[in-house]
N, C-alpha and C. Protein backbone atom coordinates (compact mmCIF):
# COMPACT_ATOMS: atom_id res chain seq x y z
N UNK A 1 63.13 287.00 103.39
CA UNK A 1 63.59 286.90 104.43
C UNK A 1 62.81 287.84 104.93
N UNK A 2 60.90 287.72 106.20
CA UNK A 2 60.68 288.95 107.06
C UNK A 2 61.55 289.62 108.09
N UNK A 3 60.68 290.71 108.36
CA UNK A 3 61.56 291.21 109.64
C UNK A 3 61.11 290.14 110.35
N UNK A 4 59.52 289.36 111.11
CA UNK A 4 59.86 288.81 111.98
C UNK A 4 60.52 287.50 112.58
N UNK A 5 60.17 287.09 110.99
CA UNK A 5 61.47 285.66 110.98
C UNK A 5 63.03 285.67 111.40
N UNK A 6 63.38 287.19 110.89
CA UNK A 6 64.48 287.78 110.71
C UNK A 6 64.57 287.52 112.53
N UNK A 7 63.63 288.17 113.29
CA UNK A 7 63.85 288.64 114.97
C UNK A 7 63.63 287.07 115.80
N UNK A 8 63.08 285.82 115.54
CA UNK A 8 63.07 284.71 116.00
C UNK A 8 64.33 283.81 115.27
N UNK A 9 65.30 284.29 114.55
CA UNK A 9 66.47 283.62 114.07
C UNK A 9 67.42 284.33 115.06
N UNK A 10 67.36 285.90 115.43
CA UNK A 10 68.23 286.89 116.34
C UNK A 10 68.16 286.05 117.52
N UNK A 11 66.88 285.81 117.82
CA UNK A 11 66.42 285.11 119.20
C UNK A 11 66.84 283.70 119.46
N UNK A 12 66.79 283.09 118.80
CA UNK A 12 67.10 281.76 118.74
C UNK A 12 68.84 281.59 118.74
N UNK A 13 69.32 282.51 118.11
CA UNK A 13 71.16 282.71 117.62
C UNK A 13 71.52 282.84 119.38
N UNK A 14 70.71 283.79 119.92
CA UNK A 14 70.84 284.52 121.36
C UNK A 14 71.00 283.54 122.46
N UNK A 15 70.15 282.89 122.13
CA UNK A 15 69.74 281.55 123.30
C UNK A 15 70.38 280.12 122.94
N UNK A 16 71.20 280.13 121.94
CA UNK A 16 71.80 279.14 121.46
C UNK A 16 73.11 279.88 122.43
N UNK A 17 74.00 280.93 121.82
CA UNK A 17 74.94 281.27 122.82
C UNK A 17 74.88 281.37 123.93
N UNK A 18 73.86 281.54 124.23
CA UNK A 18 73.49 281.67 125.84
C UNK A 18 73.95 280.21 126.70
N UNK A 19 73.24 279.35 125.84
CA UNK A 19 72.82 278.16 126.67
C UNK A 19 74.55 277.23 126.22
N UNK A 20 75.25 277.92 125.38
CA UNK A 20 76.72 277.71 124.95
C UNK A 20 77.81 278.16 126.16
N UNK A 21 77.65 279.13 126.46
CA UNK A 21 78.29 280.08 128.00
C UNK A 21 78.21 279.09 128.74
N UNK A 22 77.08 279.19 129.16
CA UNK A 22 76.60 278.82 130.25
C UNK A 22 76.80 276.87 130.28
N UNK A 23 76.86 276.18 129.67
CA UNK A 23 77.53 274.71 129.63
C UNK A 23 79.32 274.71 130.09
N UNK A 24 79.80 275.79 129.35
CA UNK A 24 81.46 276.19 129.30
C UNK A 24 81.09 276.62 130.68
N UNK A 25 80.73 277.33 131.28
CA UNK A 25 81.01 278.22 132.74
C UNK A 25 80.78 277.04 133.67
N UNK A 26 79.48 276.13 133.47
CA UNK A 26 79.66 275.24 134.61
C UNK A 26 80.61 273.81 134.54
N UNK A 27 81.13 273.52 133.72
CA UNK A 27 82.54 272.42 132.83
C UNK A 27 83.22 273.30 133.99
N UNK A 28 83.54 274.33 133.40
CA UNK A 28 84.92 275.24 133.95
C UNK A 28 84.30 274.97 136.24
N UNK A 29 83.50 275.77 136.29
CA UNK A 29 83.34 274.91 137.78
C UNK A 29 83.56 273.88 138.46
N UNK A 30 82.84 272.88 137.71
CA UNK A 30 83.28 271.12 138.49
C UNK A 30 84.42 271.05 138.07
N UNK A 31 85.16 271.44 137.12
CA UNK A 31 86.64 271.04 136.63
C UNK A 31 87.41 271.82 138.02
N UNK A 32 87.13 273.05 138.36
CA UNK A 32 87.68 273.85 139.09
C UNK A 32 87.60 272.82 140.64
N UNK A 33 85.93 272.79 141.00
CA UNK A 33 85.99 272.36 142.03
C UNK A 33 86.77 271.21 142.52
N UNK A 34 86.47 270.21 141.09
CA UNK A 34 87.58 268.88 141.33
C UNK A 34 89.01 269.01 141.92
N UNK A 35 89.88 270.10 141.43
CA UNK A 35 91.11 270.60 141.40
C UNK A 35 91.00 271.53 143.10
N UNK A 36 90.14 271.43 143.31
CA UNK A 36 90.05 272.55 144.56
C UNK A 36 90.52 271.44 146.01
N UNK A 37 91.68 270.99 146.08
CA UNK A 37 92.23 270.26 147.27
C UNK A 37 93.24 271.11 147.97
N UNK A 38 92.83 270.52 149.24
CA UNK A 38 94.36 271.28 150.17
C UNK A 38 95.42 270.28 150.65
N UNK A 39 96.79 270.52 150.57
CA UNK A 39 97.80 269.40 151.49
C UNK A 39 97.38 269.50 152.94
N UNK A 40 97.49 268.12 153.17
CA UNK A 40 97.27 268.15 154.63
C UNK A 40 97.97 267.18 155.37
N UNK A 41 98.31 267.00 156.29
CA UNK A 41 98.96 266.12 156.89
C UNK A 41 98.05 264.82 157.30
N UNK A 42 98.34 263.54 157.10
CA UNK A 42 98.48 262.50 157.72
C UNK A 42 98.87 261.71 158.48
N UNK A 43 98.73 260.95 159.41
CA UNK A 43 99.31 260.00 161.04
C UNK A 43 99.99 258.95 159.77
N UNK A 44 101.32 259.10 159.63
CA UNK A 44 102.17 257.77 159.02
C UNK A 44 102.11 256.16 159.88
N UNK A 45 101.78 256.82 161.42
CA UNK A 45 101.66 255.91 162.21
C UNK A 45 100.73 256.09 163.43
N UNK A 46 100.39 255.61 164.45
CA UNK A 46 99.38 255.73 165.56
C UNK A 46 100.34 256.66 166.30
N UNK A 47 99.87 257.66 166.92
CA UNK A 47 100.54 258.34 167.28
C UNK A 47 100.21 259.04 168.49
N UNK A 48 100.84 258.92 169.76
CA UNK A 48 100.57 258.96 171.01
C UNK A 48 100.74 260.60 171.86
N UNK A 49 100.02 260.50 172.83
CA UNK A 49 99.93 262.67 173.54
C UNK A 49 101.60 262.05 174.46
N UNK A 50 102.10 262.84 174.14
CA UNK A 50 103.92 263.32 174.20
C UNK A 50 104.78 263.38 173.03
N UNK A 51 104.45 262.69 171.93
CA UNK A 51 105.21 262.09 171.36
C UNK A 51 105.76 263.47 170.32
N UNK A 52 106.93 263.47 169.95
CA UNK A 52 107.49 264.68 169.46
C UNK A 52 107.32 264.59 168.15
N UNK A 53 106.71 265.38 167.32
CA UNK A 53 106.32 265.35 165.82
C UNK A 53 107.86 265.07 164.72
N UNK A 54 108.24 263.96 164.33
CA UNK A 54 108.88 264.63 163.18
C UNK A 54 108.11 264.18 161.33
N UNK A 55 109.09 264.80 160.81
CA UNK A 55 108.15 264.69 159.62
C UNK A 55 107.84 263.19 158.96
N UNK A 56 108.77 262.30 159.47
CA UNK A 56 108.58 261.15 159.09
C UNK A 56 107.38 260.31 159.84
N UNK A 57 106.81 261.28 160.76
CA UNK A 57 105.36 260.55 161.19
C UNK A 57 104.44 260.88 160.09
N UNK A 58 104.62 261.52 159.48
CA UNK A 58 103.46 262.45 158.82
C UNK A 58 103.36 261.97 157.66
N UNK A 59 102.41 261.96 156.44
CA UNK A 59 102.42 261.96 155.26
C UNK A 59 101.24 263.01 154.51
N UNK A 60 102.22 264.14 153.25
CA UNK A 60 101.06 264.96 153.12
C UNK A 60 100.43 264.51 152.07
N UNK A 61 99.13 264.76 152.15
CA UNK A 61 97.90 264.37 151.86
C UNK A 61 97.12 265.44 150.99
N UNK A 62 96.83 264.96 149.60
CA UNK A 62 95.78 266.07 149.13
C UNK A 62 94.06 265.95 148.88
N UNK A 63 93.61 266.25 150.16
CA UNK A 63 92.22 266.42 150.01
C UNK A 63 91.53 267.39 150.03
N UNK A 64 89.72 266.98 149.97
CA UNK A 64 89.00 268.20 149.58
C UNK A 64 88.13 268.39 150.72
N UNK A 65 88.63 269.27 151.88
CA UNK A 65 87.92 269.80 153.10
C UNK A 65 86.88 270.75 152.95
N UNK A 66 87.09 272.23 152.06
CA UNK A 66 86.12 272.86 152.03
C UNK A 66 86.94 273.47 153.08
N UNK A 67 85.88 274.37 153.83
CA UNK A 67 86.37 275.48 154.67
C UNK A 67 86.89 275.11 156.14
N UNK A 68 86.74 273.48 155.88
CA UNK A 68 87.35 272.85 156.80
C UNK A 68 88.57 272.84 157.10
N UNK A 69 88.85 273.11 156.44
CA UNK A 69 90.79 272.85 155.81
C UNK A 69 91.73 273.16 156.56
N UNK A 70 91.35 274.50 157.71
CA UNK A 70 91.91 275.18 158.26
C UNK A 70 92.16 274.54 159.83
N UNK A 71 91.42 273.35 159.96
CA UNK A 71 91.25 272.45 160.94
C UNK A 71 91.77 271.12 161.22
N UNK A 72 93.24 271.22 159.97
CA UNK A 72 93.79 270.07 159.92
C UNK A 72 95.41 270.68 160.06
N UNK A 73 96.14 270.19 160.05
CA UNK A 73 98.06 270.09 159.88
C UNK A 73 98.09 270.46 158.85
N UNK A 74 98.74 271.37 158.33
CA UNK A 74 99.23 271.68 157.19
C UNK A 74 100.92 271.62 156.85
N UNK A 75 101.58 272.33 155.85
CA UNK A 75 102.83 272.14 156.31
C UNK A 75 103.84 273.31 156.79
N UNK A 76 102.22 274.49 157.02
CA UNK A 76 102.92 275.69 157.59
C UNK A 76 103.12 275.65 158.83
N UNK A 77 101.85 274.39 159.42
CA UNK A 77 101.54 274.62 160.93
C UNK A 77 102.70 273.44 161.59
N UNK A 78 103.24 272.89 160.98
CA UNK A 78 104.59 272.16 162.00
C UNK A 78 105.32 272.64 162.28
N UNK A 79 105.87 272.42 162.98
CA UNK A 79 106.68 273.40 163.42
C UNK A 79 107.85 273.05 164.56
N UNK A 80 108.74 273.11 164.53
CA UNK A 80 110.21 272.29 165.54
C UNK A 80 109.94 272.26 166.71
N UNK A 81 109.79 270.85 167.23
CA UNK A 81 109.45 270.55 168.83
C UNK A 81 107.93 270.81 169.10
N UNK A 82 106.73 270.58 167.87
CA UNK A 82 105.66 270.18 168.00
C UNK A 82 105.19 269.39 168.71
N UNK A 83 104.49 268.93 169.64
CA UNK A 83 104.45 267.25 170.65
C UNK A 83 103.02 267.08 170.54
N UNK A 84 102.26 265.92 170.09
CA UNK A 84 100.91 265.54 170.32
C UNK A 84 100.52 265.41 171.67
N UNK A 85 99.36 265.95 171.38
CA UNK A 85 98.15 266.17 172.69
C UNK A 85 97.29 265.61 172.78
N UNK A 86 97.28 264.78 172.27
CA UNK A 86 95.88 263.41 172.12
C UNK A 86 95.93 262.91 170.58
N UNK A 87 95.51 261.69 171.20
CA UNK A 87 95.88 260.35 170.05
C UNK A 87 95.18 260.84 168.97
N UNK A 88 96.17 260.21 167.84
CA UNK A 88 95.66 260.11 166.32
C UNK A 88 96.25 259.12 165.64
N UNK A 89 95.50 258.29 165.33
CA UNK A 89 94.95 257.24 165.09
C UNK A 89 96.59 256.70 163.44
N UNK A 90 96.59 256.11 162.90
CA UNK A 90 97.42 255.84 161.69
C UNK A 90 96.67 255.90 160.28
N UNK A 91 96.84 256.75 159.58
CA UNK A 91 95.91 257.31 158.38
C UNK A 91 95.06 258.24 158.81
N UNK A 92 95.21 259.03 159.78
CA UNK A 92 93.33 259.96 160.47
C UNK A 92 94.57 261.09 159.88
N UNK A 93 93.58 262.43 159.31
CA UNK A 93 94.07 263.22 159.14
C UNK A 93 94.44 263.97 160.49
N UNK A 94 95.67 264.73 160.77
CA UNK A 94 96.01 265.24 162.14
C UNK A 94 95.35 266.86 162.21
N UNK A 95 94.07 266.68 163.10
CA UNK A 95 93.54 267.64 163.71
C UNK A 95 94.84 269.01 164.20
N UNK A 96 94.61 270.31 163.87
CA UNK A 96 95.22 271.02 164.77
C UNK A 96 95.11 270.83 166.09
N UNK A 97 93.86 270.77 166.42
CA UNK A 97 94.01 270.72 167.86
C UNK A 97 94.90 269.18 168.77
N UNK A 98 94.77 268.49 167.92
CA UNK A 98 96.23 267.53 168.24
C UNK A 98 97.69 267.53 168.89
N UNK A 99 98.44 269.10 168.17
CA UNK A 99 99.19 269.36 168.09
C UNK A 99 99.72 270.78 169.50
N UNK A 100 100.38 270.26 169.90
CA UNK A 100 101.00 271.67 170.85
C UNK A 100 102.32 271.56 171.01
N UNK A 101 102.70 271.79 172.38
CA UNK A 101 103.43 272.26 173.28
C UNK A 101 103.96 271.24 174.22
N UNK A 102 105.42 270.55 174.76
CA UNK A 102 105.58 269.65 175.51
C UNK A 102 104.59 269.88 177.00
N UNK A 103 104.52 271.62 177.15
CA UNK A 103 104.05 271.90 178.58
C UNK A 103 102.32 272.03 178.64
N UNK A 104 101.53 271.30 176.86
CA UNK A 104 100.48 271.29 177.53
C UNK A 104 100.46 269.59 177.45
N UNK A 105 101.29 268.62 177.66
CA UNK A 105 101.26 267.71 177.62
C UNK A 105 101.48 267.09 179.18
N UNK A 106 100.45 266.87 180.24
CA UNK A 106 100.92 265.98 181.49
C UNK A 106 100.60 264.49 181.64
N UNK A 107 101.26 263.87 180.56
CA UNK A 107 101.29 262.78 180.85
C UNK A 107 102.32 261.64 181.39
N UNK A 108 102.35 260.35 181.29
CA UNK A 108 103.59 259.59 181.92
C UNK A 108 103.07 257.91 181.55
N UNK A 109 104.29 257.37 180.67
CA UNK A 109 104.52 256.60 180.40
C UNK A 109 104.48 255.67 181.17
N UNK A 110 103.57 254.17 181.73
CA UNK A 110 103.89 253.45 182.77
C UNK A 110 103.41 252.51 182.52
N UNK A 111 104.23 251.63 182.21
CA UNK A 111 104.45 249.66 182.66
C UNK A 111 103.95 249.24 182.93
N UNK A 112 102.39 248.37 183.15
CA UNK A 112 101.62 247.31 183.52
C UNK A 112 101.67 246.42 183.37
N UNK A 113 101.95 245.25 183.82
CA UNK A 113 102.31 243.89 183.72
C UNK A 113 101.24 243.35 184.17
N UNK A 114 100.37 242.13 183.29
CA UNK A 114 99.10 242.13 183.39
C UNK A 114 99.35 240.03 183.29
N UNK A 115 98.03 239.68 184.03
CA UNK A 115 98.42 238.12 184.49
C UNK A 115 97.63 237.44 183.63
N UNK A 116 96.71 237.98 182.58
CA UNK A 116 95.77 237.45 181.81
C UNK A 116 95.75 238.22 180.53
N UNK A 117 95.79 237.16 179.47
CA UNK A 117 95.94 238.18 177.85
C UNK A 117 95.20 239.50 177.89
N UNK A 118 95.29 240.15 176.83
CA UNK A 118 94.68 241.28 176.58
C UNK A 118 93.76 240.80 175.79
N UNK A 119 93.05 241.70 175.99
CA UNK A 119 92.20 241.77 174.59
C UNK A 119 92.25 242.23 173.70
N UNK A 120 91.75 240.80 171.94
CA UNK A 120 92.27 241.50 170.91
C UNK A 120 91.96 242.95 170.19
N UNK A 121 91.08 244.13 170.97
CA UNK A 121 90.61 244.85 170.55
C UNK A 121 91.49 246.15 171.18
N UNK A 122 92.42 245.33 171.76
CA UNK A 122 93.63 246.42 172.33
C UNK A 122 94.51 246.21 172.06
N UNK A 123 95.20 247.29 171.40
CA UNK A 123 96.15 247.11 170.58
C UNK A 123 96.44 249.13 170.43
N UNK A 124 98.12 248.91 170.15
CA UNK A 124 98.51 250.04 170.37
C UNK A 124 97.80 251.12 169.35
N UNK A 125 98.18 252.33 170.08
CA UNK A 125 97.35 253.20 170.09
C UNK A 125 95.74 253.21 170.34
N UNK A 126 95.00 252.40 170.49
CA UNK A 126 93.96 252.21 170.92
C UNK A 126 93.58 252.55 172.38
N UNK A 127 92.84 252.85 172.84
CA UNK A 127 92.46 253.55 174.60
C UNK A 127 91.98 252.41 175.17
N UNK A 128 91.80 252.48 176.61
CA UNK A 128 91.76 251.59 177.38
C UNK A 128 91.63 251.89 178.76
N UNK A 129 90.37 251.72 179.40
CA UNK A 129 90.45 251.56 180.66
C UNK A 129 91.05 250.66 181.74
N UNK A 130 91.54 251.65 183.10
CA UNK A 130 92.64 250.46 183.70
C UNK A 130 91.86 250.05 185.19
N UNK A 131 91.20 248.77 185.25
CA UNK A 131 90.48 248.43 186.20
C UNK A 131 91.45 247.86 187.11
N UNK A 132 90.74 247.66 188.45
CA UNK A 132 91.70 247.17 189.75
C UNK A 132 91.40 246.75 190.77
N UNK A 133 91.70 245.32 191.15
CA UNK A 133 90.38 244.61 192.18
C UNK A 133 91.38 244.59 193.24
N UNK A 134 91.64 245.57 194.44
CA UNK A 134 92.02 245.43 195.36
C UNK A 134 92.32 244.04 196.45
N UNK A 135 93.85 243.89 196.17
CA UNK A 135 93.82 242.40 197.09
C UNK A 135 93.63 242.46 198.89
N UNK A 136 92.93 241.72 198.85
CA UNK A 136 92.44 241.53 200.18
C UNK A 136 93.18 240.53 201.43
N UNK A 137 93.51 239.61 200.90
CA UNK A 137 93.90 238.08 201.14
C UNK A 137 95.01 237.46 199.52
N UNK A 138 95.53 236.74 200.09
CA UNK A 138 96.33 235.52 199.53
C UNK A 138 94.96 235.18 198.86
N UNK A 139 95.21 235.37 197.13
CA UNK A 139 94.38 235.20 195.97
C UNK A 139 93.07 235.48 195.99
N UNK A 140 92.58 236.46 197.41
CA UNK A 140 91.25 236.74 197.13
C UNK A 140 91.79 238.49 197.01
N UNK A 141 90.58 238.98 196.45
CA UNK A 141 90.39 240.27 195.24
C UNK A 141 89.09 240.95 195.78
N UNK A 142 88.79 242.06 195.93
CA UNK A 142 87.87 242.86 196.05
C UNK A 142 87.38 243.53 194.90
N UNK A 143 86.00 244.24 194.82
CA UNK A 143 85.16 244.14 193.32
C UNK A 143 85.67 245.25 192.71
N UNK A 144 86.32 245.12 190.88
CA UNK A 144 86.67 245.69 190.48
C UNK A 144 86.07 247.23 190.20
N UNK A 145 87.49 248.23 189.74
CA UNK A 145 86.63 249.71 189.76
C UNK A 145 87.75 250.05 189.06
N UNK A 146 87.31 250.99 188.23
CA UNK A 146 88.03 251.67 186.83
C UNK A 146 89.26 252.72 187.86
N UNK A 147 90.35 252.31 187.63
CA UNK A 147 90.95 253.91 188.27
C UNK A 147 91.65 254.34 187.64
N UNK A 148 91.74 254.26 186.06
CA UNK A 148 92.32 255.46 185.53
C UNK A 148 90.87 254.91 183.69
N UNK A 149 90.45 256.31 183.09
CA UNK A 149 90.05 256.25 182.19
C UNK A 149 90.59 256.58 180.73
N UNK A 150 90.12 256.16 179.56
CA UNK A 150 91.44 256.67 178.16
C UNK A 150 92.20 256.30 178.47
N UNK A 151 93.57 255.82 178.95
CA UNK A 151 95.03 255.32 178.60
C UNK A 151 95.26 254.64 177.56
N UNK A 152 96.34 255.62 176.99
CA UNK A 152 96.07 255.12 175.85
C UNK A 152 97.77 253.56 175.65
N UNK A 153 97.38 252.73 174.85
CA UNK A 153 98.59 251.91 174.62
C UNK A 153 99.89 252.04 173.89
N UNK A 154 100.96 252.38 174.81
CA UNK A 154 101.89 252.62 173.75
C UNK A 154 102.75 251.76 173.68
N UNK A 155 103.05 250.74 173.82
CA UNK A 155 104.14 249.10 173.39
C UNK A 155 103.29 248.31 174.52
N UNK A 156 103.38 247.07 173.32
CA UNK A 156 103.18 245.77 174.22
C UNK A 156 104.47 244.87 174.24
N UNK A 157 104.58 244.29 174.88
CA UNK A 157 105.80 243.05 174.77
C UNK A 157 105.34 241.58 175.98
N UNK A 158 106.32 240.71 175.40
CA UNK A 158 105.84 239.56 176.22
C UNK A 158 106.19 239.95 177.78
N UNK A 159 104.80 239.06 178.67
CA UNK A 159 105.25 239.14 179.93
C UNK A 159 106.67 238.40 180.46
N UNK A 160 106.62 239.26 181.74
CA UNK A 160 107.89 237.25 182.29
C UNK A 160 107.50 237.12 183.84
N UNK A 161 107.60 235.76 184.21
CA UNK A 161 107.48 235.05 185.51
C UNK A 161 106.65 234.62 185.36
N UNK A 162 105.67 234.39 186.00
CA UNK A 162 104.24 233.63 186.18
C UNK A 162 103.71 234.11 185.55
N UNK A 163 102.74 235.41 185.25
CA UNK A 163 102.33 235.89 183.99
C UNK A 163 102.17 235.64 182.33
N UNK A 164 103.86 235.29 182.35
CA UNK A 164 103.92 234.65 180.77
C UNK A 164 103.45 233.32 180.62
N UNK A 165 103.25 232.56 181.73
CA UNK A 165 102.68 231.06 181.65
C UNK A 165 101.18 231.21 181.69
N UNK A 166 100.30 232.61 181.95
CA UNK A 166 99.49 232.72 181.92
C UNK A 166 98.54 233.20 180.88
N UNK A 167 99.94 233.31 179.91
CA UNK A 167 99.10 234.34 178.77
C UNK A 167 99.05 235.86 178.93
N UNK A 168 99.66 236.49 179.93
CA UNK A 168 99.53 237.92 179.98
C UNK A 168 100.76 238.56 179.52
N UNK A 169 101.15 239.59 179.47
CA UNK A 169 101.70 240.47 178.45
C UNK A 169 101.87 241.88 179.35
N UNK A 170 102.66 242.56 179.32
CA UNK A 170 103.24 243.67 180.04
C UNK A 170 103.11 244.64 178.91
N UNK A 171 102.64 246.10 179.40
CA UNK A 171 101.85 246.50 178.34
C UNK A 171 102.20 248.28 178.74
N UNK A 172 102.65 249.22 177.78
CA UNK A 172 103.39 250.33 178.40
C UNK A 172 102.00 251.18 178.10
N UNK A 173 101.82 252.24 179.18
CA UNK A 173 100.16 253.14 178.97
C UNK A 173 100.66 254.39 179.13
N UNK A 174 99.85 255.07 178.06
CA UNK A 174 100.25 256.60 178.74
C UNK A 174 99.25 256.93 179.49
N UNK A 175 99.51 257.50 180.75
CA UNK A 175 98.51 257.98 181.63
C UNK A 175 98.57 259.07 181.96
N UNK A 176 97.66 259.92 182.64
CA UNK A 176 97.65 261.60 182.95
C UNK A 176 98.48 261.41 184.24
N UNK A 177 99.52 262.20 184.17
CA UNK A 177 100.10 262.21 185.24
C UNK A 177 99.55 262.20 186.90
N UNK A 178 98.68 262.72 186.67
CA UNK A 178 97.86 263.05 188.68
C UNK A 178 97.14 261.27 188.65
N UNK A 179 96.83 260.68 187.42
CA UNK A 179 96.73 259.43 188.09
C UNK A 179 98.03 258.12 188.05
N UNK A 180 99.00 258.38 187.79
CA UNK A 180 100.58 257.97 188.26
C UNK A 180 100.27 257.34 189.67
N UNK A 181 100.35 258.09 190.60
CA UNK A 181 100.06 257.54 191.77
C UNK A 181 99.38 256.57 192.16
N UNK A 182 97.94 256.68 191.49
CA UNK A 182 97.60 255.51 192.30
C UNK A 182 97.56 254.61 191.96
N UNK A 183 98.47 254.39 190.18
CA UNK A 183 97.94 252.72 189.48
C UNK A 183 100.18 252.75 190.23
N UNK A 184 100.60 252.97 190.48
CA UNK A 184 101.78 252.60 190.99
C UNK A 184 101.59 251.88 192.70
N UNK A 185 100.77 252.76 193.29
CA UNK A 185 100.69 252.44 194.04
C UNK A 185 99.53 250.83 194.23
N UNK A 186 98.27 250.34 193.00
CA UNK A 186 97.92 249.62 193.01
C UNK A 186 98.64 248.45 192.91
N UNK A 187 99.81 248.99 191.99
CA UNK A 187 100.66 247.70 191.37
C UNK A 187 101.61 247.45 192.83
N UNK A 188 102.00 247.79 193.46
CA UNK A 188 102.87 247.67 194.16
C UNK A 188 101.79 247.15 195.69
N UNK A 189 100.80 247.14 195.81
CA UNK A 189 99.82 246.53 196.76
C UNK A 189 99.56 244.95 196.00
N UNK A 190 99.97 244.62 195.17
CA UNK A 190 99.34 243.29 194.31
C UNK A 190 98.22 243.47 193.81
N UNK A 191 97.76 244.79 193.78
CA UNK A 191 96.06 244.63 193.24
C UNK A 191 96.23 244.11 191.40
N UNK A 192 95.13 243.33 191.63
CA UNK A 192 94.94 242.49 190.08
C UNK A 192 94.64 243.86 188.80
N UNK A 193 95.06 243.80 187.93
CA UNK A 193 94.81 244.73 187.03
C UNK A 193 94.57 244.27 185.56
N UNK A 194 93.31 244.59 185.06
CA UNK A 194 93.66 244.33 183.88
C UNK A 194 92.94 245.57 182.70
N UNK A 195 93.25 245.62 181.28
CA UNK A 195 93.27 247.24 180.39
C UNK A 195 91.82 246.21 179.60
N UNK A 196 90.82 247.00 179.42
CA UNK A 196 89.73 247.01 179.00
C UNK A 196 89.05 248.12 177.99
N UNK A 197 89.18 247.62 176.57
CA UNK A 197 89.29 248.20 175.64
C UNK A 197 88.08 249.71 176.18
N UNK A 198 88.42 251.15 175.39
CA UNK A 198 87.48 252.28 176.00
C UNK A 198 86.45 252.37 174.67
N UNK A 199 85.32 252.35 175.26
CA UNK A 199 84.44 252.26 174.38
C UNK A 199 83.72 254.15 173.53
N UNK A 200 83.64 254.31 172.29
CA UNK A 200 83.06 255.53 172.19
C UNK A 200 84.32 256.44 172.68
N UNK A 201 85.15 256.54 173.13
CA UNK A 201 86.53 257.39 173.55
C UNK A 201 87.59 257.92 172.17
N UNK A 202 88.13 258.79 172.49
CA UNK A 202 89.22 259.33 171.65
C UNK A 202 90.22 258.85 172.27
């Protein structure tokens, strides 16, 4: 075997070894990436603002989030007395920004009795705008206007009295404390109140 032939064989051997090493490293990187998951909490049910979080409200889920993992609640971030500060849908990962303290939540639950059926899109956990038509006479109402935007439905029950015969319902909604007086005044005045699903709102 000549010297040049030996050199060609050595070069091929080196290249072959390099290919094997690169392939092995690439495979290891893929396996490592596949295993690079983070355990964060997802909501086991719809969570409404003001709700005090319990472990039973959450499901620990392994997901691949990369650099955004710190944006979601994990076991170390769940503290006693933590309160939901904004709505989180069932199955949704819980953002850290949606959890805080009771002092950060300035909302109140108010029950509204509707005289008409509720939209099929308006379900527990969804957001609705509260519309009111001012009563200006017996059975006469003014033009409707939004008095609260983005209220959240906390509970739905059957209506009572005349509203029940018209297919109405009683709906408990979560509203900002600053809007409670306006809603209660509208109810006391006998205004016609409707809940319309919010579009494009969290």
